[in-house]
Amino acid sequence: MKASVVLSLIGYLVVPSGAAVLGRCVVAKKLHEGGLSDFEGYSLENWVCLAYFESKFNPTAVYDNSNGNFTGYGLFQIRNNDWCDHGKNRCHVSCSALLNPNLNETIECAKKIVKGKRGMGACEIPCRRLAGASGASKHRRDC
């Protein structure tokens, strides 16, 4: 028993600091705690699916789209040109704050985005495709 605890602690300490990918259930829990369950009519499953599609549950993901003239930050790949400090900063947050695994700033910014005219907009489409006949609930199953 003690050996397994020690090995677990060693394994935790050896993980590189860049390895911030969160588990599906951890993401679901954090999004639920942040108030995204049924926020503006979007289910928790929709949010978890979006997080998977955009970043594969990596809250530190950064995608530079030089053709589209934007960079996506964090779990939901929130674009800098409108939402964080490298652009219009409608979320009143630094882009680097959107990379924090605690997800607080990311969740608050996502709320502002979906309250806008377009809601989740095109972000819903990939989740509908991914979910297929089984529905988006597969993204929260067994949590």
Protein backbone atom coordinates (compact mmCIF):
# COMPACT_ATOMS: atom_id res chain seq x y z
CA MET A 1 0.00 0.00 0.00
CA LYS A 2 2.73 2.45 1.00
CA ALA A 3 4.71 1.54 -2.11
CA SER A 4 1.80 2.39 -4.40
CA VAL A 5 1.32 5.76 -2.70
CA VAL A 6 5.03 6.56 -3.01
CA LEU A 7 5.06 5.51 -6.68
CA SER A 8 2.00 7.64 -7.35
CA LEU A 9 3.66 10.66 -5.76
CA ILE A 10 6.87 10.08 -7.70
CA GLY A 11 4.88 9.74 -10.91
CA TYR A 12 3.09 13.00 -10.17
CA LEU A 13 6.36 14.82 -9.55
CA VAL A 14 8.00 13.47 -12.71
CA VAL A 15 5.23 14.61 -15.07
CA PRO A 16 6.52 17.52 -17.16
CA SER A 17 4.96 20.86 -16.31
CA GLY A 18 3.73 21.23 -19.90
CA ALA A 19 1.52 18.15 -19.52
CA ALA A 20 -1.66 19.97 -18.60
CA VAL A 21 -4.18 17.83 -20.48
CA LEU A 22 -7.16 17.28 -18.20
CA GLY A 23 -9.34 14.20 -18.05
CA ARG A 24 -12.85 14.32 -19.49
CA CYS A 25 -14.48 13.99 -16.07
CA VAL A 26 -12.22 16.67 -14.56
CA VAL A 27 -13.25 19.02 -17.35
CA ALA A 28 -16.93 18.19 -16.81
CA LYS A 29 -16.61 18.83 -13.07
CA LYS A 30 -14.80 22.17 -13.50
CA LEU A 31 -17.28 23.37 -16.12
CA HIS A 32 -20.21 22.35 -13.91
CA GLU A 33 -18.68 24.09 -10.88
CA GLY A 34 -18.13 27.17 -13.04
CA GLY A 35 -21.84 27.36 -13.81
CA LEU A 36 -21.87 26.17 -17.42
CA SER A 37 -24.48 23.41 -16.97
CA ASP A 38 -27.42 24.59 -19.10
CA PHE A 39 -25.92 28.09 -19.29
CA GLU A 40 -27.79 30.01 -22.00
CA GLY A 41 -29.47 26.73 -22.97
CA TYR A 42 -26.27 24.76 -23.64
CA SER A 43 -25.95 21.48 -21.78
CA LEU A 44 -22.84 20.48 -19.88
CA GLU A 45 -22.37 17.77 -22.52
CA ASN A 46 -22.23 20.48 -25.22
CA TRP A 47 -19.51 22.30 -23.30
CA VAL A 48 -17.46 19.15 -22.69
CA CYS A 49 -17.77 18.21 -26.35
CA LEU A 50 -16.63 21.69 -27.37
CA ALA A 51 -13.61 21.44 -25.07
CA TYR A 52 -12.69 18.09 -26.60
CA PHE A 53 -13.14 19.31 -30.17
CA GLU A 54 -11.22 22.55 -29.67
CA SER A 55 -8.29 21.45 -27.50
CA LYS A 56 -8.57 17.73 -26.67
CA PHE A 57 -9.02 18.88 -23.04
CA ASN A 58 -5.71 20.79 -23.04
CA PRO A 59 -6.24 24.09 -21.18
CA THR A 60 -2.78 25.31 -22.23
CA ALA A 61 -3.31 24.77 -25.96
CA VAL A 62 -2.40 27.66 -28.25
CA TYR A 63 -3.21 27.56 -31.97
CA ASP A 64 -1.78 30.26 -34.21
CA ASN A 65 -3.86 30.62 -37.37
CA SER A 66 -1.72 32.94 -39.45
CA ASN A 67 -4.13 32.70 -42.42
CA GLY A 68 -7.11 33.64 -40.29
CA ASN A 69 -5.14 36.32 -38.47
CA PHE A 70 -5.98 35.07 -34.99
CA THR A 71 -4.62 32.88 -32.22
CA GLY A 72 -6.82 30.52 -30.19
CA TYR A 73 -6.15 30.16 -26.47
CA GLY A 74 -6.97 27.48 -23.95
CA LEU A 75 -9.60 24.82 -23.52
CA PHE A 76 -12.12 26.44 -25.89
CA GLN A 77 -9.52 28.06 -28.18
CA ILE A 78 -10.88 31.53 -27.49
CA ARG A 79 -9.71 33.90 -30.20
CA ASN A 80 -7.46 36.79 -29.35
CA ASN A 81 -8.76 39.14 -32.04
CA ASP A 82 -12.03 39.70 -30.17
CA TRP A 83 -11.88 38.28 -26.68
CA CYS A 84 -8.54 38.78 -24.90
CA ASP A 85 -5.91 41.47 -24.52
CA HIS A 86 -4.21 40.99 -27.89
CA GLY A 87 -7.37 42.24 -29.61
CA LYS A 88 -10.63 43.95 -28.66
CA ASN A 89 -10.48 42.30 -25.22
CA ARG A 90 -14.24 41.90 -24.81
CA CYS A 91 -13.61 39.48 -21.92
CA HIS A 92 -11.30 41.95 -20.14
CA VAL A 93 -8.71 39.22 -19.62
CA SER A 94 -5.14 38.56 -20.70
CA CYS A 95 -4.78 35.85 -23.33
CA SER A 96 -2.31 34.05 -21.07
CA ALA A 97 -4.96 33.87 -18.30
CA LEU A 98 -7.02 31.69 -20.66
CA LEU A 99 -4.25 29.07 -20.40
CA ASN A 100 -4.70 28.47 -16.67
CA PRO A 101 -5.79 24.88 -15.87
CA ASN A 102 -8.11 26.16 -13.11
CA LEU A 103 -10.35 27.36 -15.99
CA ASN A 104 -11.86 30.28 -14.04
CA GLU A 105 -11.06 32.98 -16.61
CA THR A 106 -11.85 30.64 -19.49
CA ILE A 107 -15.30 29.87 -18.10
CA GLU A 108 -16.13 33.53 -17.45
CA CYS A 109 -15.02 34.50 -20.96
CA ALA A 110 -17.00 31.62 -22.51
CA LYS A 111 -20.10 32.91 -20.71
CA LYS A 112 -19.63 36.35 -22.27
CA ILE A 113 -19.15 34.81 -25.71
CA VAL A 114 -22.33 32.72 -25.66
CA LYS A 115 -24.39 35.62 -24.31
CA GLY A 116 -23.64 37.39 -27.61
CA LYS A 117 -25.80 37.36 -30.74
CA ARG A 118 -24.31 34.18 -32.18
CA GLY A 119 -24.22 32.12 -28.99
CA MET A 120 -22.01 29.11 -29.58
CA GLY A 121 -22.59 29.64 -33.31
CA ALA A 122 -20.54 27.33 -35.50
CA CYS A 123 -18.95 25.74 -32.43
CA GLU A 124 -22.03 23.53 -32.00
CA ILE A 125 -21.75 21.92 -35.43
CA PRO A 126 -18.68 19.72 -34.73
CA CYS A 127 -20.30 18.42 -31.55
CA ARG A 128 -23.45 17.46 -33.41
CA ARG A 129 -21.30 15.57 -35.92
CA LEU A 130 -19.14 13.95 -33.23
CA ALA A 131 -22.11 12.94 -31.14
CA GLY A 132 -24.01 11.27 -33.98
CA ALA A 133 -26.90 9.09 -32.93
CA SER A 134 -25.57 8.58 -29.39
CA GLY A 135 -25.95 12.25 -28.51
CA ALA A 136 -23.50 14.54 -26.73
CA SER A 137 -23.97 12.63 -23.47
CA LYS A 138 -21.09 10.32 -24.39
CA HIS A 139 -18.76 13.15 -23.42
CA ARG A 140 -19.91 12.96 -19.79
CA ARG A 141 -20.74 9.28 -19.47
CA ASP A 142 -19.27 7.49 -16.42
CA CYS A 143 -18.23 10.68 -14.64
